[in-house]
Full PDB file with SEQRES, HELIX, SHEET, SSBOND, CRYST1, ORIGX, SCALE, CONECT and MASTER records, all heavy atoms in Angstrom:
SEQRES   1 A   35  LEU ALA GLU THR GLY TYR HIS PRO ARG GLY LEU PRO GLU          
SEQRES   2 A   35  LEU ARG GLU ALA VAL ALA ASP HIS TYR THR GLY LEU GLY          
SEQRES   3 A   35  LEU PRO THR SER PRO ASP GLN ILE VAL                          
HELIX    1 AA1 PRO A   12  GLY A   24  1                                  13    
HELIX    2 AA2 PRO A   31  GLN A   33  5                                   3    
CRYST1    1.000    1.000    1.000  90.00  90.00  90.00 P 1           1          
ORIGX1      1.000000  0.000000  0.000000        0.00000                         
ORIGX2      0.000000  1.000000  0.000000        0.00000                         
ORIGX3      0.000000  0.000000  1.000000        0.00000                         
SCALE1      1.000000  0.000000  0.000000        0.00000                         
SCALE2      0.000000  1.000000  0.000000        0.00000                         
SCALE3      0.000000  0.000000  1.000000        0.00000                         
ATOM      1  N   LEU A   1     -44.308  91.987   7.580  1.00  0.00           N  
ATOM      2  CA  LEU A   1     -43.817  93.018   8.502  1.00  0.00           C  
ATOM      3  C   LEU A   1     -44.909  93.993   8.912  1.00  0.00           C  
ATOM      4  O   LEU A   1     -44.836  94.611   9.978  1.00  0.00           O  
ATOM      5  CB  LEU A   1     -42.655  93.784   7.864  1.00  0.00           C  
ATOM      6  CG  LEU A   1     -41.330  93.006   7.748  1.00  0.00           C  
ATOM      7  CD1 LEU A   1     -40.310  93.809   6.943  1.00  0.00           C  
ATOM      8  CD2 LEU A   1     -40.778  92.662   9.120  1.00  0.00           C  
ATOM      9  N   ALA A   2     -45.928  94.125   8.079  1.00  0.00           N  
ATOM     10  CA  ALA A   2     -47.046  95.019   8.401  1.00  0.00           C  
ATOM     11  C   ALA A   2     -48.066  94.370   9.334  1.00  0.00           C  
ATOM     12  O   ALA A   2     -48.988  95.043   9.814  1.00  0.00           O  
ATOM     13  CB  ALA A   2     -47.730  95.466   7.105  1.00  0.00           C  
ATOM     14  N   GLU A   3     -47.894  93.065   9.575  1.00  0.00           N  
ATOM     15  CA  GLU A   3     -48.804  92.338  10.469  1.00  0.00           C  
ATOM     16  C   GLU A   3     -48.568  92.740  11.926  1.00  0.00           C  
ATOM     17  O   GLU A   3     -47.492  93.206  12.286  1.00  0.00           O  
ATOM     18  CB  GLU A   3     -48.547  90.831  10.329  1.00  0.00           C  
ATOM     19  CG  GLU A   3     -49.159  90.209   9.102  1.00  0.00           C  
ATOM     20  CD  GLU A   3     -50.524  89.611   9.423  1.00  0.00           C  
ATOM     21  OE1 GLU A   3     -51.029  89.839  10.539  1.00  0.00           O  
ATOM     22  OE2 GLU A   3     -51.064  88.936   8.534  1.00  0.00           O  
ATOM     23  N   THR A   4     -49.558  92.469  12.764  1.00  0.00           N  
ATOM     24  CA  THR A   4     -49.372  92.688  14.207  1.00  0.00           C  
ATOM     25  C   THR A   4     -48.372  91.692  14.782  1.00  0.00           C  
ATOM     26  O   THR A   4     -47.720  91.968  15.782  1.00  0.00           O  
ATOM     27  CB  THR A   4     -50.707  92.516  14.953  1.00  0.00           C  
ATOM     28  OG1 THR A   4     -51.160  91.163  14.787  1.00  0.00           O  
ATOM     29  CG2 THR A   4     -51.755  93.488  14.420  1.00  0.00           C  
ATOM     30  N   GLY A   5     -48.275  90.529  14.146  1.00  0.00           N  
ATOM     31  CA  GLY A   5     -47.330  89.511  14.598  1.00  0.00           C  
ATOM     32  C   GLY A   5     -47.927  88.466  15.501  1.00  0.00           C  
ATOM     33  O   GLY A   5     -47.269  87.482  15.831  1.00  0.00           O  
ATOM     34  N   TYR A   6     -49.176  88.633  15.911  1.00  0.00           N  
ATOM     35  CA  TYR A   6     -49.779  87.709  16.876  1.00  0.00           C  
ATOM     36  C   TYR A   6     -50.874  86.882  16.211  1.00  0.00           C  
ATOM     37  O   TYR A   6     -51.932  87.405  15.857  1.00  0.00           O  
ATOM     38  CB  TYR A   6     -50.353  88.478  18.069  1.00  0.00           C  
ATOM     39  CG  TYR A   6     -49.326  89.337  18.767  1.00  0.00           C  
ATOM     40  CD1 TYR A   6     -49.541  90.701  18.936  1.00  0.00           C  
ATOM     41  CD2 TYR A   6     -48.147  88.787  19.247  1.00  0.00           C  
ATOM     42  CE1 TYR A   6     -48.602  91.498  19.581  1.00  0.00           C  
ATOM     43  CE2 TYR A   6     -47.200  89.572  19.882  1.00  0.00           C  
ATOM     44  CZ  TYR A   6     -47.434  90.927  20.048  1.00  0.00           C  
ATOM     45  OH  TYR A   6     -46.493  91.699  20.679  1.00  0.00           O  
ATOM     46  N   HIS A   7     -50.620  85.587  16.087  1.00  0.00           N  
ATOM     47  CA  HIS A   7     -51.615  84.644  15.556  1.00  0.00           C  
ATOM     48  C   HIS A   7     -51.535  83.370  16.381  1.00  0.00           C  
ATOM     49  O   HIS A   7     -50.926  82.377  15.964  1.00  0.00           O  
ATOM     50  CB  HIS A   7     -51.343  84.333  14.083  1.00  0.00           C  
ATOM     51  CG  HIS A   7     -51.679  85.429  13.137  1.00  0.00           C  
ATOM     52  ND1 HIS A   7     -52.970  85.681  12.701  1.00  0.00           N  
ATOM     53  CD2 HIS A   7     -50.902  86.360  12.550  1.00  0.00           C  
ATOM     54  CE1 HIS A   7     -52.965  86.704  11.861  1.00  0.00           C  
ATOM     55  NE2 HIS A   7     -51.717  87.143  11.763  1.00  0.00           N  
ATOM     56  N   PRO A   8     -52.141  83.365  17.580  1.00  0.00           N  
ATOM     57  CA  PRO A   8     -52.047  82.170  18.423  1.00  0.00           C  
ATOM     58  C   PRO A   8     -52.578  80.903  17.757  1.00  0.00           C  
ATOM     59  O   PRO A   8     -52.053  79.809  17.999  1.00  0.00           O  
ATOM     60  CB  PRO A   8     -52.874  82.538  19.659  1.00  0.00           C  
ATOM     61  CG  PRO A   8     -52.835  84.030  19.697  1.00  0.00           C  
ATOM     62  CD  PRO A   8     -52.823  84.475  18.276  1.00  0.00           C  
ATOM     63  N   ARG A   9     -53.599  81.038  16.950  1.00  0.00           N  
ATOM     64  CA  ARG A   9     -54.114  79.860  16.240  1.00  0.00           C  
ATOM     65  C   ARG A   9     -53.181  79.454  15.104  1.00  0.00           C  
ATOM     66  O   ARG A   9     -53.144  78.298  14.714  1.00  0.00           O  
ATOM     67  CB  ARG A   9     -55.495  80.152  15.648  1.00  0.00           C  
ATOM     68  CG  ARG A   9     -56.635  80.189  16.647  1.00  0.00           C  
ATOM     69  CD  ARG A   9     -57.923  80.479  15.903  1.00  0.00           C  
ATOM     70  NE  ARG A   9     -59.093  80.409  16.775  1.00  0.00           N  
ATOM     71  CZ  ARG A   9     -59.790  79.300  17.004  1.00  0.00           C  
ATOM     72  NH1 ARG A   9     -59.414  78.161  16.439  1.00  0.00           N  
ATOM     73  NH2 ARG A   9     -60.841  79.307  17.800  1.00  0.00           N  
ATOM     74  N   GLY A  10     -52.462  80.429  14.564  1.00  0.00           N  
ATOM     75  CA  GLY A  10     -51.594  80.177  13.429  1.00  0.00           C  
ATOM     76  C   GLY A  10     -51.940  81.089  12.272  1.00  0.00           C  
ATOM     77  O   GLY A  10     -53.061  81.600  12.167  1.00  0.00           O  
ATOM     78  N   LEU A  11     -50.987  81.314  11.399  1.00  0.00           N  
ATOM     79  CA  LEU A  11     -51.197  82.140  10.216  1.00  0.00           C  
ATOM     80  C   LEU A  11     -52.337  81.539   9.388  1.00  0.00           C  
ATOM     81  O   LEU A  11     -52.317  80.342   9.076  1.00  0.00           O  
ATOM     82  CB  LEU A  11     -49.909  82.175   9.399  1.00  0.00           C  
ATOM     83  CG  LEU A  11     -49.777  83.256   8.321  1.00  0.00           C  
ATOM     84  CD1 LEU A  11     -49.746  84.649   8.950  1.00  0.00           C  
ATOM     85  CD2 LEU A  11     -48.520  83.019   7.496  1.00  0.00           C  
ATOM     86  N   PRO A  12     -53.346  82.334   9.024  1.00  0.00           N  
ATOM     87  CA  PRO A  12     -54.513  81.774   8.319  1.00  0.00           C  
ATOM     88  C   PRO A  12     -54.156  80.957   7.089  1.00  0.00           C  
ATOM     89  O   PRO A  12     -54.738  79.888   6.852  1.00  0.00           O  
ATOM     90  CB  PRO A  12     -55.329  83.014   7.964  1.00  0.00           C  
ATOM     91  CG  PRO A  12     -55.001  83.996   9.045  1.00  0.00           C  
ATOM     92  CD  PRO A  12     -53.552  83.761   9.364  1.00  0.00           C  
ATOM     93  N   GLU A  13     -53.186  81.397   6.300  1.00  0.00           N  
ATOM     94  CA  GLU A  13     -52.864  80.662   5.077  1.00  0.00           C  
ATOM     95  C   GLU A  13     -52.268  79.291   5.382  1.00  0.00           C  
ATOM     96  O   GLU A  13     -52.476  78.327   4.623  1.00  0.00           O  
ATOM     97  CB  GLU A  13     -51.913  81.464   4.194  1.00  0.00           C  
ATOM     98  CG  GLU A  13     -50.529  81.698   4.787  1.00  0.00           C  
ATOM     99  CD  GLU A  13     -49.700  82.653   3.950  1.00  0.00           C  
ATOM    100  OE1 GLU A  13     -49.863  83.877   4.117  1.00  0.00           O  
ATOM    101  OE2 GLU A  13     -48.900  82.165   3.143  1.00  0.00           O  
ATOM    102  N   LEU A  14     -51.526  79.169   6.497  1.00  0.00           N  
ATOM    103  CA  LEU A  14     -50.994  77.862   6.872  1.00  0.00           C  
ATOM    104  C   LEU A  14     -52.098  76.955   7.380  1.00  0.00           C  
ATOM    105  O   LEU A  14     -52.153  75.760   7.032  1.00  0.00           O  
ATOM    106  CB  LEU A  14     -49.897  78.013   7.930  1.00  0.00           C  
ATOM    107  CG  LEU A  14     -49.307  76.708   8.489  1.00  0.00           C  
ATOM    108  CD1 LEU A  14     -48.792  75.801   7.371  1.00  0.00           C  
ATOM    109  CD2 LEU A  14     -48.197  77.001   9.494  1.00  0.00           C  
ATOM    110  N   ARG A  15     -52.997  77.485   8.163  1.00  0.00           N  
ATOM    111  CA  ARG A  15     -54.114  76.671   8.655  1.00  0.00           C  
ATOM    112  C   ARG A  15     -54.972  76.180   7.497  1.00  0.00           C  
ATOM    113  O   ARG A  15     -55.439  75.029   7.498  1.00  0.00           O  
ATOM    114  CB  ARG A  15     -54.938  77.472   9.652  1.00  0.00           C  
ATOM    115  CG  ARG A  15     -54.176  77.727  10.968  1.00  0.00           C  
ATOM    116  CD  ARG A  15     -54.828  78.792  11.827  1.00  0.00           C  
ATOM    117  NE  ARG A  15     -56.215  78.497  12.111  1.00  0.00           N  
ATOM    118  CZ  ARG A  15     -57.175  79.414  12.164  1.00  0.00           C  
ATOM    119  NH1 ARG A  15     -56.887  80.693  11.952  1.00  0.00           N  
ATOM    120  NH2 ARG A  15     -58.401  79.064  12.444  1.00  0.00           N  
ATOM    121  N   GLU A  16     -55.170  77.023   6.495  1.00  0.00           N  
ATOM    122  CA  GLU A  16     -55.934  76.608   5.321  1.00  0.00           C  
ATOM    123  C   GLU A  16     -55.196  75.508   4.550  1.00  0.00           C  
ATOM    124  O   GLU A  16     -55.804  74.531   4.104  1.00  0.00           O  
ATOM    125  CB  GLU A  16     -56.179  77.804   4.409  1.00  0.00           C  
ATOM    126  CG  GLU A  16     -57.152  78.828   4.982  1.00  0.00           C  
ATOM    127  CD  GLU A  16     -57.179  80.113   4.167  1.00  0.00           C  
ATOM    128  OE1 GLU A  16     -56.559  80.149   3.080  1.00  0.00           O  
ATOM    129  OE2 GLU A  16     -57.833  81.075   4.616  1.00  0.00           O  
ATOM    130  N   ALA A  17     -53.868  75.670   4.407  1.00  0.00           N  
ATOM    131  CA  ALA A  17     -53.086  74.666   3.690  1.00  0.00           C  
ATOM    132  C   ALA A  17     -53.121  73.316   4.407  1.00  0.00           C  
ATOM    133  O   ALA A  17     -53.274  72.261   3.775  1.00  0.00           O  
ATOM    134  CB  ALA A  17     -51.644  75.146   3.535  1.00  0.00           C  
ATOM    135  N   VAL A  18     -52.998  73.342   5.739  1.00  0.00           N  
ATOM    136  CA  VAL A  18     -53.026  72.095   6.515  1.00  0.00           C  
ATOM    137  C   VAL A  18     -54.409  71.459   6.453  1.00  0.00           C  
ATOM    138  O   VAL A  18     -54.545  70.230   6.305  1.00  0.00           O  
ATOM    139  CB  VAL A  18     -52.599  72.360   7.969  1.00  0.00           C  
ATOM    140  CG1 VAL A  18     -52.800  71.107   8.822  1.00  0.00           C  
ATOM    141  CG2 VAL A  18     -51.145  72.816   8.037  1.00  0.00           C  
ATOM    142  N   ALA A  19     -55.460  72.285   6.539  1.00  0.00           N  
ATOM    143  CA  ALA A  19     -56.824  71.756   6.448  1.00  0.00           C  
ATOM    144  C   ALA A  19     -57.051  71.084   5.096  1.00  0.00           C  
ATOM    145  O   ALA A  19     -57.623  69.985   5.015  1.00  0.00           O  
ATOM    146  CB  ALA A  19     -57.830  72.883   6.661  1.00  0.00           C  
ATOM    147  N   ASP A  20     -56.580  71.699   4.023  1.00  0.00           N  
ATOM    148  CA  ASP A  20     -56.707  71.100   2.690  1.00  0.00           C  
ATOM    149  C   ASP A  20     -55.901  69.800   2.599  1.00  0.00           C  
ATOM    150  O   ASP A  20     -56.325  68.836   1.948  1.00  0.00           O  
ATOM    151  CB  ASP A  20     -56.230  72.082   1.623  1.00  0.00           C  
ATOM    152  CG  ASP A  20     -57.165  73.278   1.464  1.00  0.00           C  
ATOM    153  OD1 ASP A  20     -58.303  73.214   1.963  1.00  0.00           O  
ATOM    154  OD2 ASP A  20     -56.733  74.274   0.846  1.00  0.00           O  
ATOM    155  N   HIS A  21     -54.732  69.801   3.234  1.00  0.00           N  
ATOM    156  CA  HIS A  21     -53.883  68.603   3.240  1.00  0.00           C  
ATOM    157  C   HIS A  21     -54.613  67.427   3.869  1.00  0.00           C  
ATOM    158  O   HIS A  21     -54.657  66.330   3.300  1.00  0.00           O  
ATOM    159  CB  HIS A  21     -52.585  68.911   3.995  1.00  0.00           C  
ATOM    160  CG  HIS A  21     -51.738  67.724   4.281  1.00  0.00           C  
ATOM    161  ND1 HIS A  21     -51.080  67.006   3.302  1.00  0.00           N  
ATOM    162  CD2 HIS A  21     -51.426  67.114   5.465  1.00  0.00           C  
ATOM    163  CE1 HIS A  21     -50.408  66.005   3.856  1.00  0.00           C  
ATOM    164  NE2 HIS A  21     -50.592  66.058   5.162  1.00  0.00           N  
ATOM    165  N   TYR A  22     -55.228  67.635   5.039  1.00  0.00           N  
ATOM    166  CA  TYR A  22     -55.952  66.546   5.694  1.00  0.00           C  
ATOM    167  C   TYR A  22     -57.192  66.139   4.912  1.00  0.00           C  
ATOM    168  O   TYR A  22     -57.529  64.951   4.829  1.00  0.00           O  
ATOM    169  CB  TYR A  22     -56.326  66.942   7.127  1.00  0.00           C  
ATOM    170  CG  TYR A  22     -55.177  66.813   8.094  1.00  0.00           C  
ATOM    171  CD1 TYR A  22     -54.780  67.876   8.899  1.00  0.00           C  
ATOM    172  CD2 TYR A  22     -54.478  65.613   8.211  1.00  0.00           C  
ATOM    173  CE1 TYR A  22     -53.719  67.756   9.785  1.00  0.00           C  
ATOM    174  CE2 TYR A  22     -53.420  65.482   9.086  1.00  0.00           C  
ATOM    175  CZ  TYR A  22     -53.041  66.557   9.870  1.00  0.00           C  
ATOM    176  OH  TYR A  22     -51.988  66.429  10.734  1.00  0.00           O  
ATOM    177  N   THR A  23     -57.871  67.107   4.339  1.00  0.00           N  
ATOM    178  CA  THR A  23     -59.039  66.784   3.519  1.00  0.00           C  
ATOM    179  C   THR A  23     -58.635  65.884   2.355  1.00  0.00           C  
ATOM    180  O   THR A  23     -59.332  64.912   2.033  1.00  0.00           O  
ATOM    181  CB  THR A  23     -59.697  68.070   2.999  1.00  0.00           C  
ATOM    182  OG1 THR A  23     -60.124  68.873   4.121  1.00  0.00           O  
ATOM    183  CG2 THR A  23     -60.908  67.758   2.125  1.00  0.00           C  
ATOM    184  N   GLY A  24     -57.470  66.174   1.760  1.00  0.00           N  
ATOM    185  CA  GLY A  24     -56.966  65.345   0.678  1.00  0.00           C  
ATOM    186  C   GLY A  24     -56.595  63.938   1.113  1.00  0.00           C  
ATOM    187  O   GLY A  24     -56.576  63.010   0.294  1.00  0.00           O  
ATOM    188  N   LEU A  25     -56.304  63.745   2.401  1.00  0.00           N  
ATOM    189  CA  LEU A  25     -55.984  62.417   2.936  1.00  0.00           C  
ATOM    190  C   LEU A  25     -57.227  61.618   3.308  1.00  0.00           C  
ATOM    191  O   LEU A  25     -57.115  60.485   3.788  1.00  0.00           O  
ATOM    192  CB  LEU A  25     -55.091  62.551   4.176  1.00  0.00           C  
ATOM    193  CG  LEU A  25     -53.701  63.141   3.976  1.00  0.00           C  
ATOM    194  CD1 LEU A  25     -52.972  63.241   5.315  1.00  0.00           C  
ATOM    195  CD2 LEU A  25     -52.886  62.307   2.996  1.00  0.00           C  
ATOM    196  N   GLY A  26     -58.411  62.203   3.103  1.00  0.00           N  
ATOM    197  CA  GLY A  26     -59.646  61.515   3.463  1.00  0.00           C  
ATOM    198  C   GLY A  26     -60.181  61.902   4.818  1.00  0.00           C  
ATOM    199  O   GLY A  26     -61.054  61.213   5.367  1.00  0.00           O  
ATOM    200  N   LEU A  27     -59.678  63.012   5.370  1.00  0.00           N  
ATOM    201  CA  LEU A  27     -60.131  63.504   6.668  1.00  0.00           C  
ATOM    202  C   LEU A  27     -60.633  64.936   6.486  1.00  0.00           C  
ATOM    203  O   LEU A  27     -59.852  65.896   6.592  1.00  0.00           O  
ATOM    204  CB  LEU A  27     -58.991  63.461   7.685  1.00  0.00           C  
ATOM    205  CG  LEU A  27     -59.237  64.050   9.073  1.00  0.00           C  
ATOM    206  CD1 LEU A  27     -60.410  63.359   9.752  1.00  0.00           C  
ATOM    207  CD2 LEU A  27     -57.980  63.944   9.929  1.00  0.00           C  
ATOM    208  N   PRO A  28     -61.915  65.142   6.161  1.00  0.00           N  
ATOM    209  CA  PRO A  28     -62.423  66.499   5.935  1.00  0.00           C  
ATOM    210  C   PRO A  28     -62.127  67.408   7.129  1.00  0.00           C  
ATOM    211  O   PRO A  28     -62.424  67.068   8.277  1.00  0.00           O  
ATOM    212  CB  PRO A  28     -63.927  66.284   5.764  1.00  0.00           C  
ATOM    213  CG  PRO A  28     -64.050  64.868   5.277  1.00  0.00           C  
ATOM    214  CD  PRO A  28     -62.951  64.123   5.979  1.00  0.00           C  
ATOM    215  N   THR A  29     -61.517  68.560   6.848  1.00  0.00           N  
ATOM    216  CA  THR A  29     -61.024  69.447   7.900  1.00  0.00           C  
ATOM    217  C   THR A  29     -61.246  70.898   7.501  1.00  0.00           C  
ATOM    218  O   THR A  29     -61.084  71.253   6.331  1.00  0.00           O  
ATOM    219  CB  THR A  29     -59.521  69.215   8.146  1.00  0.00           C  
ATOM    220  OG1 THR A  29     -59.299  67.835   8.485  1.00  0.00           O  
ATOM    221  CG2 THR A  29     -58.992  70.093   9.264  1.00  0.00           C  
ATOM    222  N   SER A  30     -61.596  71.727   8.468  1.00  0.00           N  
ATOM    223  CA  SER A  30     -61.733  73.165   8.249  1.00  0.00           C  
ATOM    224  C   SER A  30     -60.628  73.886   9.017  1.00  0.00           C  
ATOM    225  O   SER A  30     -60.094  73.361  10.000  1.00  0.00           O  
ATOM    226  CB  SER A  30     -63.108  73.653   8.714  1.00  0.00           C  
ATOM    227  OG  SER A  30     -63.293  73.366  10.102  1.00  0.00           O  
ATOM    228  N   PRO A  31     -60.252  75.098   8.611  1.00  0.00           N  
ATOM    229  CA  PRO A  31     -59.156  75.819   9.282  1.00  0.00           C  
ATOM    230  C   PRO A  31     -59.378  76.037  10.770  1.00  0.00           C  
ATOM    231  O   PRO A  31     -58.399  76.126  11.529  1.00  0.00           O  
ATOM    232  CB  PRO A  31     -59.097  77.146   8.515  1.00  0.00           C  
ATOM    233  CG  PRO A  31     -59.613  76.814   7.156  1.00  0.00           C  
ATOM    234  CD  PRO A  31     -60.696  75.809   7.394  1.00  0.00           C  
ATOM    235  N   ASP A  32     -60.651  76.116  11.226  1.00  0.00           N  
ATOM    236  CA  ASP A  32     -60.879  76.348  12.652  1.00  0.00           C  
ATOM    237  C   ASP A  32     -60.568  75.120  13.500  1.00  0.00           C  
ATOM    238  O   ASP A  32     -60.587  75.187  14.735  1.00  0.00           O  
ATOM    239  CB  ASP A  32     -62.306  76.833  12.910  1.00  0.00           C  
ATOM    240  CG  ASP A  32     -63.362  75.789  12.599  1.00  0.00           C  
ATOM    241  OD1 ASP A  32     -63.053  74.814  11.872  1.00  0.00           O  
ATOM    242  OD2 ASP A  32     -64.501  75.950  13.064  1.00  0.00           O  
ATOM    243  N   GLN A  33     -60.226  73.995  12.859  1.00  0.00           N  
ATOM    244  CA  GLN A  33     -59.809  72.794  13.584  1.00  0.00           C  
ATOM    245  C   GLN A  33     -58.292  72.694  13.709  1.00  0.00           C  
ATOM    246  O   GLN A  33     -57.786  71.741  14.307  1.00  0.00           O  
ATOM    247  CB  GLN A  33     -60.332  71.542  12.868  1.00  0.00           C  
ATOM    248  CG  GLN A  33     -61.841  71.393  12.883  1.00  0.00           C  
ATOM    249  CD  GLN A  33     -62.274  70.149  12.123  1.00  0.00           C  
ATOM    250  OE1 GLN A  33     -62.464  70.170  10.911  1.00  0.00           O  
ATOM    251  NE2 GLN A  33     -62.398  69.049  12.851  1.00  0.00           N  
ATOM    252  N   ILE A  34     -57.561  73.668  13.162  1.00  0.00           N  
ATOM    253  CA  ILE A  34     -56.106  73.618  13.125  1.00  0.00           C  
ATOM    254  C   ILE A  34     -55.511  74.648  14.088  1.00  0.00           C  
ATOM    255  O   ILE A  34     -55.950  75.798  14.121  1.00  0.00           O  
ATOM    256  CB  ILE A  34     -55.574  73.899  11.704  1.00  0.00           C  
ATOM    257  CG1 ILE A  34     -56.167  72.914  10.699  1.00  0.00           C  
ATOM    258  CG2 ILE A  34     -54.052  73.864  11.674  1.00  0.00           C  
ATOM    259  CD1 ILE A  34     -55.816  71.462  10.951  1.00  0.00           C  
ATOM    260  N   VAL A  35     -54.513  74.225  14.856  1.00  0.00           N  
ATOM    261  CA  VAL A  35     -53.708  75.132  15.675  1.00  0.00           C  
ATOM    262  C   VAL A  35     -52.245  74.894  15.300  1.00  0.00           C  
ATOM    263  O   VAL A  35     -51.778  73.756  15.311  1.00  0.00           O  
ATOM    264  CB  VAL A  35     -53.900  74.894  17.183  1.00  0.00           C  
ATOM    265  CG1 VAL A  35     -53.020  75.859  17.987  1.00  0.00           C  
ATOM    266  CG2 VAL A  35     -55.356  75.056  17.574  1.00  0.00           C  
TER     267      VAL A  35                                                      
MASTER        0    0    0    2    0    0    0    6  266    1    0    3          
END                                                                             
């Protein structure tokens, strides 16, 4: 609730989780590759 509410790329923690997920599948990924 204290956030501005605007994250067009996505919430950083979700982008990090998705990047780790793909890295675990054999596809090295960084959060800046996730939208």
